[in-house]
PDB file of N, CA and C in Angstrom:
ATOM      1  N   MET A   1       0.865  -1.231   0.031  1.00  0.00           N
ATOM      2  CA  MET A   1      -0.053   0.008  -0.093  1.00  0.00           C
ATOM      3  C   MET A   1       0.961   1.249  -0.071  1.00  0.00           C
ATOM      4  N   TYR A   2       0.658   2.118  -0.777  1.00  0.00           N
ATOM      5  CA  TYR A   2       1.197   3.508  -0.752  1.00  0.00           C
ATOM      6  C   TYR A   2       1.090   4.311   0.325  1.00  0.00           C
ATOM      7  N   GLU A   3       2.202   4.956   0.750  1.00  0.00           N
ATOM      8  CA  GLU A   3       1.943   5.685   1.677  1.00  0.00           C
ATOM      9  C   GLU A   3       1.490   7.362   1.370  1.00  0.00           C
ATOM     10  N   GLY A   4       1.809   7.425   0.237  1.00  0.00           N
ATOM     11  CA  GLY A   4       1.456   8.786  -0.528  1.00  0.00           C
ATOM     12  C   GLY A   4       1.589   8.549  -1.835  1.00  0.00           C
ATOM     13  N   LEU A   5       1.039   9.323  -2.734  1.00  0.00           N
ATOM     14  CA  LEU A   5       1.257   9.236  -4.191  1.00  0.00           C
ATOM     15  C   LEU A   5       2.559   9.602  -4.593  1.00  0.00           C
ATOM     16  N   PRO A   6       3.021   9.033  -5.654  1.00  0.00           N
ATOM     17  CA  PRO A   6       4.626   9.566  -6.120  1.00  0.00           C
ATOM     18  C   PRO A   6       4.292  10.868  -6.811  1.00  0.00           C
ATOM     19  N   SER A   7       5.289  11.750  -6.500  1.00  0.00           N
ATOM     20  CA  SER A   7       5.223  13.058  -7.141  1.00  0.00           C
ATOM     21  C   SER A   7       6.019  13.169  -8.406  1.00  0.00           C
ATOM     22  N   PHE A   8       5.320  13.644  -9.621  1.00  0.00           N
ATOM     23  CA  PHE A   8       5.967  13.803 -10.742  1.00  0.00           C
ATOM     24  C   PHE A   8       6.468  15.426 -10.905  1.00  0.00           C
ATOM     25  N   GLU A   9       6.077  16.192 -10.045  1.00  0.00           N
ATOM     26  CA  GLU A   9       6.417  17.666  -9.960  1.00  0.00           C
ATOM     27  C   GLU A   9       8.085  17.643  -9.939  1.00  0.00           C
ATOM     28  N   LYS A  10       8.644  18.761 -10.899  1.00  0.00           N
ATOM     29  CA  LYS A  10      10.024  19.063 -10.697  1.00  0.00           C
ATOM     30  C   LYS A  10       9.960  20.007  -9.760  1.00  0.00           C
ATOM     31  N   GLU A  11      11.409  20.471  -9.249  1.00  0.00           N
ATOM     32  CA  GLU A  11      11.379  21.647  -8.826  1.00  0.00           C
ATOM     33  C   GLU A  11      11.410  22.727  -9.722  1.00  0.00           C
ATOM     34  N   PRO A  12      11.185  23.914  -8.850  1.00  0.00           N
ATOM     35  CA  PRO A  12      11.082  25.059  -9.875  1.00  0.00           C
ATOM     36  C   PRO A  12      12.470  25.139 -10.579  1.00  0.00           C
ATOM     37  N   GLU A  13      12.643  25.581 -11.870  1.00  0.00           N
ATOM     38  CA  GLU A  13      13.890  25.681 -12.693  1.00  0.00           C
ATOM     39  C   GLU A  13      14.665  26.884 -12.145  1.00  0.00           C
ATOM     40  N   HIS A  14      15.965  26.713 -11.931  1.00  0.00           N
ATOM     41  CA  HIS A  14      16.731  27.839 -11.420  1.00  0.00           C
ATOM     42  C   HIS A  14      17.025  28.714 -12.725  1.00  0.00           C
ATOM     43  N   ILE A  15      16.653  29.989 -12.485  1.00  0.00           N
ATOM     44  CA  ILE A  15      16.869  30.860 -13.714  1.00  0.00           C
ATOM     45  C   ILE A  15      18.487  31.466 -13.219  1.00  0.00           C
ATOM     46  N   PRO A  16      19.631  31.308 -13.953  1.00  0.00           N
ATOM     47  CA  PRO A  16      20.704  31.938 -13.848  1.00  0.00           C
ATOM     48  C   PRO A  16      20.709  33.636 -13.280  1.00  0.00           C
ATOM     49  N   THR A  17      21.447  34.032 -12.509  1.00  0.00           N
ATOM     50  CA  THR A  17      21.630  35.171 -12.061  1.00  0.00           C
ATOM     51  C   THR A  17      22.305  35.988 -12.994  1.00  0.00           C
ATOM     52  N   LEU A  18      22.529  37.374 -12.532  1.00  0.00           N
ATOM     53  CA  LEU A  18      23.331  38.181 -13.882  1.00  0.00           C
ATOM     54  C   LEU A  18      24.682  38.019 -13.518  1.00  0.00           C
ATOM     55  N   GLU A  19      25.045  37.588 -12.337  1.00  0.00           N
ATOM     56  CA  GLU A  19      26.507  37.478 -11.729  1.00  0.00           C
ATOM     57  C   GLU A  19      26.844  36.024 -12.498  1.00  0.00           C
ATOM     58  N   GLU A  20      26.063  35.074 -12.473  1.00  0.00           N
ATOM     59  CA  GLU A  20      26.434  33.760 -13.223  1.00  0.00           C
ATOM     60  C   GLU A  20      26.364  33.964 -14.698  1.00  0.00           C
ATOM     61  N   ILE A  21      25.647  34.745 -15.510  1.00  0.00           N
ATOM     62  CA  ILE A  21      25.892  34.937 -16.824  1.00  0.00           C
ATOM     63  C   ILE A  21      26.912  35.794 -16.878  1.00  0.00           C
ATOM     64  N   GLN A  22      27.657  36.911 -16.149  1.00  0.00           N
ATOM     65  CA  GLN A  22      28.725  37.477 -16.396  1.00  0.00           C
ATOM     66  C   GLN A  22      29.684  36.569 -16.011  1.00  0.00           C
ATOM     67  N   TRP A  23      29.685  35.813 -15.223  1.00  0.00           N
ATOM     68  CA  TRP A  23      30.749  34.722 -14.930  1.00  0.00           C
ATOM     69  C   TRP A  23      31.049  33.962 -16.319  1.00  0.00           C
ATOM     70  N   VAL A  24      29.995  33.327 -16.911  1.00  0.00           N
ATOM     71  CA  VAL A  24      30.179  32.504 -18.043  1.00  0.00           C
ATOM     72  C   VAL A  24      30.860  33.452 -19.151  1.00  0.00           C
ATOM     73  N   LEU A  25      30.258  34.858 -19.194  1.00  0.00           N
ATOM     74  CA  LEU A  25      30.961  35.545 -20.318  1.00  0.00           C
ATOM     75  C   LEU A  25      32.533  35.654 -20.236  1.00  0.00           C
ATOM     76  N   GLU A  26      32.640  35.981 -18.799  1.00  0.00           N
ATOM     77  CA  GLU A  26      34.228  36.045 -18.722  1.00  0.00           C
ATOM     78  C   GLU A  26      35.182  34.854 -18.855  1.00  0.00           C
ATOM     79  N   GLU A  27      34.459  33.586 -18.385  1.00  0.00           N
ATOM     80  CA  GLU A  27      35.413  32.452 -18.893  1.00  0.00           C
ATOM     81  C   GLU A  27      35.525  32.483 -20.175  1.00  0.00           C
ATOM     82  N   LEU A  28      34.521  32.718 -21.056  1.00  0.00           N
ATOM     83  CA  LEU A  28      34.490  32.702 -22.476  1.00  0.00           C
ATOM     84  C   LEU A  28      35.576  33.770 -23.326  1.00  0.00           C
ATOM     85  N   ILE A  29      35.443  34.874 -22.677  1.00  0.00           N
ATOM     86  CA  ILE A  29      36.458  36.042 -23.234  1.00  0.00           C
ATOM     87  C   ILE A  29      37.824  35.996 -22.621  1.00  0.00           C
ATOM     88  N   LYS A  30      38.065  35.445 -21.598  1.00  0.00           N
ATOM     89  CA  LYS A  30      39.330  35.435 -20.891  1.00  0.00           C
ATOM     90  C   LYS A  30      39.959  36.463 -20.891  1.00  0.00           C
ATOM     91  N   GLY A  31      39.512  37.487 -20.069  1.00  0.00           N
ATOM     92  CA  GLY A  31      40.115  39.031 -19.647  1.00  0.00           C
ATOM     93  C   GLY A  31      39.868  40.003 -20.723  1.00  0.00           C
ATOM     94  N   LYS A  32      39.207  39.665 -21.822  1.00  0.00           N
ATOM     95  CA  LYS A  32      39.136  40.989 -22.705  1.00  0.00           C
ATOM     96  C   LYS A  32      38.023  41.833 -22.056  1.00  0.00           C
ATOM     97  N   ASN A  33      38.259  42.927 -22.385  1.00  0.00           N
ATOM     98  CA  ASN A  33      37.144  44.028 -21.993  1.00  0.00           C
ATOM     99  C   ASN A  33      35.573  43.789 -22.970  1.00  0.00           C
ATOM    100  N   TYR A  34      34.579  43.993 -22.277  1.00  0.00           N
ATOM    101  CA  TYR A  34      33.362  43.900 -23.094  1.00  0.00           C
ATOM    102  C   TYR A  34      32.215  45.095 -22.800  1.00  0.00           C
ATOM    103  N   ASN A  35      31.595  45.141 -23.704  1.00  0.00           N
ATOM    104  CA  ASN A  35      30.448  46.439 -23.600  1.00  0.00           C
ATOM    105  C   ASN A  35      29.259  45.538 -23.396  1.00  0.00           C
ATOM    106  N   VAL A  36      28.166  45.704 -22.168  1.00  0.00           N
ATOM    107  CA  VAL A  36      26.845  45.462 -22.220  1.00  0.00           C
ATOM    108  C   VAL A  36      25.939  45.997 -23.294  1.00  0.00           C
ATOM    109  N   VAL A  37      25.268  45.380 -24.368  1.00  0.00           N
ATOM    110  CA  VAL A  37      24.631  46.146 -25.105  1.00  0.00           C
ATOM    111  C   VAL A  37      22.974  46.015 -24.670  1.00  0.00           C
ATOM    112  N   ARG A  38      22.700  44.876 -24.018  1.00  0.00           N
ATOM    113  CA  ARG A  38      21.231  44.847 -23.580  1.00  0.00           C
ATOM    114  C   ARG A  38      21.197  43.971 -22.388  1.00  0.00           C
ATOM    115  N   CYS A  39      20.398  44.259 -21.243  1.00  0.00           N
ATOM    116  CA  CYS A  39      20.221  43.320 -20.316  1.00  0.00           C
ATOM    117  C   CYS A  39      18.572  43.273 -20.080  1.00  0.00           C
ATOM    118  N   LEU A  40      17.938  42.406 -20.548  1.00  0.00           N
ATOM    119  CA  LEU A  40      16.537  42.648 -19.832  1.00  0.00           C
ATOM    120  C   LEU A  40      16.182  41.558 -18.965  1.00  0.00           C
ATOM    121  N   LYS A  41      15.350  42.015 -17.778  1.00  0.00           N
ATOM    122  CA  LYS A  41      14.894  41.360 -16.709  1.00  0.00           C
ATOM    123  C   LYS A  41      13.517  41.626 -16.818  1.00  0.00           C
ATOM    124  N   ASP A  42      12.955  40.505 -15.928  1.00  0.00           N
ATOM    125  CA  ASP A  42      11.420  40.956 -15.262  1.00  0.00           C
ATOM    126  C   ASP A  42      11.459  40.173 -13.904  1.00  0.00           C
ATOM    127  N   SER A  43      10.300  39.916 -13.433  1.00  0.00           N
ATOM    128  CA  SER A  43      10.148  39.503 -11.981  1.00  0.00           C
ATOM    129  C   SER A  43      10.912  38.226 -11.783  1.00  0.00           C
ATOM    130  N   GLU A  44      11.273  37.506 -12.541  1.00  0.00           N
ATOM    131  CA  GLU A  44      11.813  36.129 -12.488  1.00  0.00           C
ATOM    132  C   GLU A  44      13.251  36.285 -12.575  1.00  0.00           C
ATOM    133  N   GLY A  45      13.980  37.242 -13.234  1.00  0.00           N
ATOM    134  CA  GLY A  45      15.193  37.277 -13.495  1.00  0.00           C
ATOM    135  C   GLY A  45      15.585  37.787 -14.792  1.00  0.00           C
ATOM    136  N   VAL A  46      16.765  37.543 -15.045  1.00  0.00           N
ATOM    137  CA  VAL A  46      17.338  38.003 -16.471  1.00  0.00           C
ATOM    138  C   VAL A  46      17.049  37.063 -17.437  1.00  0.00           C
ATOM    139  N   TYR A  47      16.498  37.533 -18.657  1.00  0.00           N
ATOM    140  CA  TYR A  47      15.953  36.526 -19.754  1.00  0.00           C
ATOM    141  C   TYR A  47      16.755  36.732 -21.091  1.00  0.00           C
ATOM    142  N   LEU A  48      17.383  38.019 -21.179  1.00  0.00           N
ATOM    143  CA  LEU A  48      18.345  38.311 -22.141  1.00  0.00           C
ATOM    144  C   LEU A  48      19.318  39.113 -22.036  1.00  0.00           C
ATOM    145  N   PHE A  49      20.424  38.784 -22.344  1.00  0.00           N
ATOM    146  CA  PHE A  49      21.887  39.551 -22.058  1.00  0.00           C
ATOM    147  C   PHE A  49      22.805  39.486 -23.214  1.00  0.00           C
ATOM    148  N   GLU A  50      22.994  40.642 -23.556  1.00  0.00           N
ATOM    149  CA  GLU A  50      24.027  40.830 -24.904  1.00  0.00           C
ATOM    150  C   GLU A  50      25.118  41.872 -24.631  1.00  0.00           C
ATOM    151  N   ALA A  51      26.483  41.218 -24.998  1.00  0.00           N
ATOM    152  CA  ALA A  51      27.659  41.950 -24.779  1.00  0.00           C
ATOM    153  C   ALA A  51      28.528  41.879 -26.177  1.00  0.00           C
ATOM    154  N   THR A  52      29.346  42.784 -26.306  1.00  0.00           N
ATOM    155  CA  THR A  52      30.093  42.654 -27.635  1.00  0.00           C
ATOM    156  C   THR A  52      31.679  42.963 -26.930  1.00  0.00           C
ATOM    157  N   THR A  53      32.472  42.273 -27.586  1.00  0.00           N
ATOM    158  CA  THR A  53      33.895  42.529 -27.478  1.00  0.00           C
ATOM    159  C   THR A  53      34.536  42.417 -28.837  1.00  0.00           C
ATOM    160  N   ARG A  54      35.795  42.517 -29.200  1.00  0.00           N
ATOM    161  CA  ARG A  54      36.586  42.435 -30.409  1.00  0.00           C
ATOM    162  C   ARG A  54      37.433  41.211 -30.288  1.00  0.00           C
ATOM    163  N   ASP A  55      37.704  40.416 -31.605  1.00  0.00           N
ATOM    164  CA  ASP A  55      38.481  39.503 -31.660  1.00  0.00           C
ATOM    165  C   ASP A  55      39.707  40.368 -32.261  1.00  0.00           C
ATOM    166  N   LYS A  56      40.954  40.138 -31.258  1.00  0.00           N
ATOM    167  CA  LYS A  56      42.082  40.770 -31.476  1.00  0.00           C
ATOM    168  C   LYS A  56      42.845  40.537 -32.790  1.00  0.00           C
ATOM    169  N   SER A  57      42.714  39.099 -33.365  1.00  0.00           N
ATOM    170  CA  SER A  57      43.327  38.563 -34.336  1.00  0.00           C
ATOM    171  C   SER A  57      42.646  39.128 -35.836  1.00  0.00           C
ATOM    172  N   THR A  58      41.261  39.197 -35.897  1.00  0.00           N
ATOM    173  CA  THR A  58      40.703  39.475 -36.832  1.00  0.00           C
ATOM    174  C   THR A  58      39.971  40.738 -36.889  1.00  0.00           C
ATOM    175  N   ASN A  59      39.961  41.643 -35.671  1.00  0.00           N
ATOM    176  CA  ASN A  59      39.168  42.862 -35.460  1.00  0.00           C
ATOM    177  C   ASN A  59      37.712  42.795 -35.631  1.00  0.00           C
ATOM    178  N   GLN A  60      37.126  41.421 -35.816  1.00  0.00           N
ATOM    179  CA  GLN A  60      35.546  41.166 -35.986  1.00  0.00           C
ATOM    180  C   GLN A  60      35.117  41.747 -34.618  1.00  0.00           C
ATOM    181  N   ILE A  61      33.764  42.026 -34.832  1.00  0.00           N
ATOM    182  CA  ILE A  61      32.946  42.364 -33.487  1.00  0.00           C
ATOM    183  C   ILE A  61      32.279  41.024 -33.296  1.00  0.00           C
ATOM    184  N   LEU A  62      32.567  40.710 -31.866  1.00  0.00           N
ATOM    185  CA  LEU A  62      31.795  39.286 -31.407  1.00  0.00           C
ATOM    186  C   LEU A  62      30.698  39.619 -30.442  1.00  0.00           C
ATOM    187  N   GLU A  63      29.632  39.381 -30.531  1.00  0.00           N
ATOM    188  CA  GLU A  63      28.313  39.477 -29.833  1.00  0.00           C
ATOM    189  C   GLU A  63      28.140  38.115 -29.117  1.00  0.00           C
ATOM    190  N   TYR A  64      28.116  38.371 -27.828  1.00  0.00           N
ATOM    191  CA  TYR A  64      27.573  37.256 -27.021  1.00  0.00           C
ATOM    192  C   TYR A  64      26.222  37.520 -26.609  1.00  0.00           C
ATOM    193  N   SER A  65      25.379  36.411 -26.802  1.00  0.00           N
ATOM    194  CA  SER A  65      23.793  36.532 -26.348  1.00  0.00           C
ATOM    195  C   SER A  65      23.470  35.360 -25.515  1.00  0.00           C
ATOM    196  N   TYR A  66      22.999  35.792 -24.235  1.00  0.00           N
ATOM    197  CA  TYR A  66      22.657  34.836 -23.302  1.00  0.00           C
ATOM    198  C   TYR A  66      20.825  35.092 -23.541  1.00  0.00           C
ATOM    199  N   MET A  67      20.294  33.354 -23.578  1.00  0.00           N
ATOM    200  CA  MET A  67      18.844  33.773 -23.618  1.00  0.00           C
ATOM    201  C   MET A  67      18.340  32.465 -22.761  1.00  0.00           C
ATOM    202  N   THR A  68      17.083  32.836 -22.101  1.00  0.00           N
ATOM    203  CA  THR A  68      16.707  31.457 -21.340  1.00  0.00           C
ATOM    204  C   THR A  68      15.555  31.077 -22.351  1.00  0.00           C
ATOM    205  N   LYS A  69      15.154  29.847 -21.738  1.00  0.00           N
ATOM    206  CA  LYS A  69      14.191  29.215 -22.630  1.00  0.00           C
ATOM    207  C   LYS A  69      12.859  29.820 -22.194  1.00  0.00           C
ATOM    208  N   ARG A  70      12.780  30.318 -20.925  1.00  0.00           N
ATOM    209  CA  ARG A  70      11.798  31.269 -20.776  1.00  0.00           C
ATOM    210  C   ARG A  70      11.688  32.791 -20.916  1.00  0.00           C
ATOM    211  N   ARG A  71      10.949  32.992 -21.752  1.00  0.00           N
ATOM    212  CA  ARG A  71      11.000  34.390 -22.161  1.00  0.00           C
ATOM    213  C   ARG A  71       9.634  35.009 -22.452  1.00  0.00           C
ATOM    214  N   PRO A  72       9.303  36.167 -21.717  1.00  0.00           N
ATOM    215  CA  PRO A  72       8.329  36.823 -21.965  1.00  0.00           C
ATOM    216  C   PRO A  72       7.792  37.505 -23.247  1.00  0.00           C
ATOM    217  N   GLY A  73       6.453  37.738 -23.171  1.00  0.00           N
ATOM    218  CA  GLY A  73       6.095  38.598 -24.354  1.00  0.00           C
ATOM    219  C   GLY A  73       6.339  37.829 -25.625  1.00  0.00           C
ATOM    220  N   ASN A  74       6.514  38.822 -26.493  1.00  0.00           N
ATOM    221  CA  ASN A  74       6.618  38.237 -27.985  1.00  0.00           C
ATOM    222  C   ASN A  74       7.924  37.515 -28.291  1.00  0.00           C
ATOM    223  N   LEU A  75       8.905  37.570 -27.522  1.00  0.00           N
ATOM    224  CA  LEU A  75      10.333  37.112 -27.854  1.00  0.00           C
ATOM    225  C   LEU A  75      10.195  35.689 -28.137  1.00  0.00           C
ATOM    226  N   ASN A  76      11.120  35.281 -29.130  1.00  0.00           N
ATOM    227  CA  ASN A  76      10.939  33.821 -29.753  1.00  0.00           C
ATOM    228  C   ASN A  76      11.467  32.807 -28.373  1.00  0.00           C
ATOM    229  N   ARG A  77      10.994  31.857 -28.543  1.00  0.00           N
ATOM    230  CA  ARG A  77      11.164  30.761 -27.280  1.00  0.00           C
ATOM    231  C   ARG A  77      12.113  29.923 -27.871  1.00  0.00           C
ATOM    232  N   SER A  78      12.931  29.432 -27.006  1.00  0.00           N
ATOM    233  CA  SER A  78      14.046  28.309 -27.191  1.00  0.00           C
ATOM    234  C   SER A  78      13.564  27.359 -26.424  1.00  0.00           C
ATOM    235  N   SER A  79      14.299  25.929 -26.508  1.00  0.00           N
ATOM    236  CA  SER A  79      13.921  24.859 -25.912  1.00  0.00           C
ATOM    237  C   SER A  79      15.128  24.636 -24.549  1.00  0.00           C
ATOM    238  N   VAL A  80      16.335  25.648 -24.774  1.00  0.00           N
ATOM    239  CA  VAL A  80      17.402  25.762 -23.919  1.00  0.00           C
ATOM    240  C   VAL A  80      17.941  27.028 -23.566  1.00  0.00           C
ATOM    241  N   THR A  81      18.315  26.786 -22.292  1.00  0.00           N
ATOM    242  CA  THR A  81      18.979  28.268 -21.910  1.00  0.00           C
ATOM    243  C   THR A  81      20.416  28.173 -22.265  1.00  0.00           C
ATOM    244  N   GLU A  82      20.977  29.089 -23.180  1.00  0.00           N
ATOM    245  CA  GLU A  82      22.422  29.058 -23.347  1.00  0.00           C
ATOM    246  C   GLU A  82      22.856  30.565 -23.929  1.00  0.00           C
ATOM    247  N   MET A  83      24.340  30.535 -24.207  1.00  0.00           N
ATOM    248  CA  MET A  83      24.934  31.659 -24.659  1.00  0.00           C
ATOM    249  C   MET A  83      25.416  31.345 -26.163  1.00  0.00           C
ATOM    250  N   ASP A  84      25.274  32.151 -26.998  1.00  0.00           N
ATOM    251  CA  ASP A  84      25.545  31.859 -28.373  1.00  0.00           C
ATOM    252  C   ASP A  84      26.673  33.264 -28.601  1.00  0.00           C
ATOM    253  N   ILE A  85      27.522  32.983 -29.676  1.00  0.00           N
ATOM    254  CA  ILE A  85      28.416  34.164 -30.194  1.00  0.00           C
ATOM    255  C   ILE A  85      28.033  34.402 -31.889  1.00  0.00           C
ATOM    256  N   VAL A  86      27.840  35.611 -32.128  1.00  0.00           N
ATOM    257  CA  VAL A  86      27.687  36.077 -33.475  1.00  0.00           C
ATOM    258  C   VAL A  86      28.752  36.763 -33.740  1.00  0.00           C
ATOM    259  N   SER A  87      29.419  36.472 -34.856  1.00  0.00           N
ATOM    260  CA  SER A  87      30.679  37.645 -35.380  1.00  0.00           C
ATOM    261  C   SER A  87      30.195  38.649 -36.570  1.00  0.00           C
ATOM    262  N   TYR A  88      30.650  39.614 -36.505  1.00  0.00           N
ATOM    263  CA  TYR A  88      30.440  40.627 -37.516  1.00  0.00           C
ATOM    264  C   TYR A  88      31.439  41.080 -38.106  1.00  0.00           C
ATOM    265  N   GLU A  89      31.492  41.374 -39.156  1.00  0.00           N
ATOM    266  CA  GLU A  89      32.728  41.753 -40.095  1.00  0.00           C
ATOM    267  C   GLU A  89      33.275  43.231 -39.632  1.00  0.00           C
ATOM    268  N   ASN A  90      32.122  43.999 -39.576  1.00  0.00           N
ATOM    269  CA  ASN A  90      32.786  45.273 -39.010  1.00  0.00           C
ATOM    270  C   ASN A  90      31.539  46.098 -38.584  1.00  0.00           C
ATOM    271  N   GLU A  91      31.547  47.596 -37.865  1.00  0.00           N
ATOM    272  CA  GLU A  91      30.623  48.295 -37.523  1.00  0.00           C
ATOM    273  C   GLU A  91      29.331  48.324 -38.523  1.00  0.00           C
ATOM    274  N   ASP A  92      29.534  48.476 -39.647  1.00  0.00           N
ATOM    275  CA  ASP A  92      28.189  48.458 -40.511  1.00  0.00           C
ATOM    276  C   ASP A  92      27.651  47.237 -40.484  1.00  0.00           C
ATOM    277  N   ALA A  93      28.263  45.936 -40.669  1.00  0.00           N
ATOM    278  CA  ALA A  93      27.599  44.784 -40.596  1.00  0.00           C
ATOM    279  C   ALA A  93      26.862  44.485 -39.196  1.00  0.00           C
ATOM    280  N   TYR A  94      27.534  45.038 -38.109  1.00  0.00           N
ATOM    281  CA  TYR A  94      26.778  44.928 -36.801  1.00  0.00           C
ATOM    282  C   TYR A  94      25.533  45.689 -36.607  1.00  0.00           C
ATOM    283  N   ARG A  95      25.526  46.875 -37.315  1.00  0.00           N
ATOM    284  CA  ARG A  95      24.530  47.838 -37.194  1.00  0.00           C
ATOM    285  C   ARG A  95      23.236  47.045 -38.168  1.00  0.00           C
ATOM    286  N   GLU A  96      23.686  46.492 -39.000  1.00  0.00           N
ATOM    287  CA  GLU A  96      22.498  45.849 -40.066  1.00  0.00           C
ATOM    288  C   GLU A  96      22.315  44.793 -39.552  1.00  0.00           C
ATOM    289  N   SER A  97      23.006  44.015 -38.476  1.00  0.00           N
ATOM    290  CA  SER A  97      22.928  42.635 -38.159  1.00  0.00           C
ATOM    291  C   SER A  97      22.955  41.692 -39.162  1.00  0.00           C
ATOM    292  N   ASN A  98      24.136  42.017 -39.934  1.00  0.00           N
ATOM    293  CA  ASN A  98      24.383  40.873 -40.956  1.00  0.00           C
ATOM    294  C   ASN A  98      25.572  40.159 -40.361  1.00  0.00           C
ATOM    295  N   VAL A  99      25.110  38.817 -40.090  1.00  0.00           N
ATOM    296  CA  VAL A  99      25.904  38.050 -39.375  1.00  0.00           C
ATOM    297  C   VAL A  99      26.534  37.161 -40.209  1.00  0.00           C
ATOM    298  N   GLU A 100      27.844  36.945 -39.842  1.00  0.00           N
ATOM    299  CA  GLU A 100      28.865  36.355 -40.373  1.00  0.00           C
ATOM    300  C   GLU A 100      29.205  34.819 -39.995  1.00  0.00           C
ATOM    301  N   ARG A 101      28.559  34.720 -38.574  1.00  0.00           N
ATOM    302  CA  ARG A 101      28.831  33.367 -38.218  1.00  0.00           C
ATOM    303  C   ARG A 101      28.227  33.266 -37.178  1.00  0.00           C
ATOM    304  N   ALA A 102      27.425  32.344 -36.460  1.00  0.00           N
ATOM    305  CA  ALA A 102      27.023  32.101 -35.062  1.00  0.00           C
ATOM    306  C   ALA A 102      27.042  30.794 -34.676  1.00  0.00           C
ATOM    307  N   ASP A 103      27.400  30.747 -33.035  1.00  0.00           N
ATOM    308  CA  ASP A 103      27.441  29.243 -32.573  1.00  0.00           C
ATOM    309  C   ASP A 103      27.159  29.330 -31.243  1.00  0.00           C
ATOM    310  N   THR A 104      26.690  28.335 -30.393  1.00  0.00           N
ATOM    311  CA  THR A 104      26.477  28.392 -29.314  1.00  0.00           C
ATOM    312  C   THR A 104      27.854  27.890 -28.507  1.00  0.00           C
ATOM    313  N   VAL A 105      27.919  28.428 -27.405  1.00  0.00           N
ATOM    314  CA  VAL A 105      29.302  28.655 -26.918  1.00  0.00           C
ATOM    315  C   VAL A 105      29.318  27.911 -25.445  1.00  0.00           C
ATOM    316  N   ALA A 106      27.987  28.133 -24.877  1.00  0.00           N
ATOM    317  CA  ALA A 106      27.650  27.744 -23.476  1.00  0.00           C
ATOM    318  C   ALA A 106      26.207  27.109 -23.285  1.00  0.00           C
ATOM    319  N   LYS A 107      25.698  26.180 -22.595  1.00  0.00           N
ATOM    320  CA  LYS A 107      24.347  25.811 -22.464  1.00  0.00           C
ATOM    321  C   LYS A 107      24.306  25.593 -20.719  1.00  0.00           C
ATOM    322  N   TYR A 108      23.121  25.863 -20.483  1.00  0.00           N
ATOM    323  CA  TYR A 108      22.696  25.749 -19.094  1.00  0.00           C
ATOM    324  C   TYR A 108      22.060  24.525 -19.030  1.00  0.00           C
ATOM    325  N   ILE A 109      22.231  23.379 -18.441  1.00  0.00           N
ATOM    326  CA  ILE A 109      21.813  21.975 -18.495  1.00  0.00           C
ATOM    327  C   ILE A 109      21.722  21.486 -16.849  1.00  0.00           C
ATOM    328  N   ASP A 110      20.393  21.322 -16.562  1.00  0.00           N
ATOM    329  CA  ASP A 110      20.003  20.681 -15.147  1.00  0.00           C
ATOM    330  C   ASP A 110      20.971  21.662 -13.954  1.00  0.00           C
ATOM    331  N   GLY A 111      20.782  22.614 -14.288  1.00  0.00           N
ATOM    332  CA  GLY A 111      21.333  23.684 -13.030  1.00  0.00           C
ATOM    333  C   GLY A 111      23.021  23.906 -13.257  1.00  0.00           C
ATOM    334  N   ASN A 112      23.494  23.587 -14.108  1.00  0.00           N
ATOM    335  CA  ASN A 112      24.859  23.619 -14.496  1.00  0.00           C
ATOM    336  C   ASN A 112      25.545  24.394 -15.881  1.00  0.00           C
ATOM    337  N   TRP A 113      26.309  25.078 -16.080  1.00  0.00           N
ATOM    338  CA  TRP A 113      26.790  25.564 -17.107  1.00  0.00           C
ATOM    339  C   TRP A 113      27.784  24.531 -17.781  1.00  0.00           C
ATOM    340  N   GLU A 114      27.495  24.284 -19.203  1.00  0.00           N
ATOM    341  CA  GLU A 114      28.636  23.597 -19.675  1.00  0.00           C
ATOM    342  C   GLU A 114      29.160  24.509 -20.990  1.00  0.00           C
ATOM    343  N   ILE A 115      30.416  24.801 -20.798  1.00  0.00           N
ATOM    344  CA  ILE A 115      31.109  25.792 -21.741  1.00  0.00           C
ATOM    345  C   ILE A 115      31.719  24.950 -22.859  1.00  0.00           C
ATOM    346  N   LEU A 116      31.286  25.123 -23.936  1.00  0.00           N
ATOM    347  CA  LEU A 116      31.369  24.235 -25.143  1.00  0.00           C
ATOM    348  C   LEU A 116      32.963  24.896 -25.841  1.00  0.00           C
ATOM    349  N   ILE A 117      33.399  25.863 -25.635  1.00  0.00           N
ATOM    350  CA  ILE A 117      34.479  26.451 -26.099  1.00  0.00           C
ATOM    351  C   ILE A 117      35.661  26.703 -25.138  1.00  0.00           C
ATOM    352  N   ASP A 118      36.988  26.837 -25.481  1.00  0.00           N
ATOM    353  CA  ASP A 118      37.951  27.263 -24.493  1.00  0.00           C
ATOM    354  C   ASP A 118      38.314  28.742 -24.337  1.00  0.00           C
ATOM    355  N   GLY A 119      37.421  29.372 -25.128  1.00  0.00           N
ATOM    356  CA  GLY A 119      37.731  31.086 -24.993  1.00  0.00           C
ATOM    357  C   GLY A 119      38.291  31.296 -26.306  1.00  0.00           C
ATOM    358  N   ASN A 120      38.910  30.437 -27.070  1.00  0.00           N
ATOM    359  CA  ASN A 120      39.679  30.514 -28.412  1.00  0.00           C
ATOM    360  C   ASN A 120      38.600  30.657 -29.649  1.00  0.00           C
ATOM    361  N   TRP A 121      38.237  32.020 -30.003  1.00  0.00           N
ATOM    362  CA  TRP A 121      37.238  32.124 -31.196  1.00  0.00           C
ATOM    363  C   TRP A 121      37.879  31.179 -32.254  1.00  0.00           C
ATOM    364  N   GLU A 122      38.933  31.444 -32.592  1.00  0.00           N
ATOM    365  CA  GLU A 122      39.419  30.633 -33.678  1.00  0.00           C
ATOM    366  C   GLU A 122      39.271  29.139 -33.760  1.00  0.00           C
ATOM    367  N   GLY A 123      39.168  28.580 -32.413  1.00  0.00           N
ATOM    368  CA  GLY A 123      38.932  27.160 -32.427  1.00  0.00           C
ATOM    369  C   GLY A 123      37.603  26.537 -32.672  1.00  0.00           C
ATOM    370  N   LEU A 124      36.541  27.388 -33.042  1.00  0.00           N
ATOM    371  CA  LEU A 124      35.365  26.972 -33.407  1.00  0.00           C
ATOM    372  C   LEU A 124      35.306  26.682 -34.765  1.00  0.00           C
TER     373      LEU A 124
END
């Protein structure tokens, strides 16, 4: 006889804090300076974070973009929480969102960050 019904409820998903997101970014860029482009939050926490830096060897603009799978309003939904990188050839391409290349560089899985590259953009 059951003492209670088995529970299939999961614990509430942890939403990474701004500090966690910045830690991942800093692990990826290995000491380079970066500029925060956007940081969007709601009552549950950060759901979009974008920052840019430059690749010293190619002078391309690198934009790191964190997105949660939980996004409010009309923002596209994703099945994962992750950080992507997009490269732009120059300022004009960046302003026009003319993407040269995009890759996922970190994923948030079961409460842990998995960094997919070693911080070397050329290694992708």
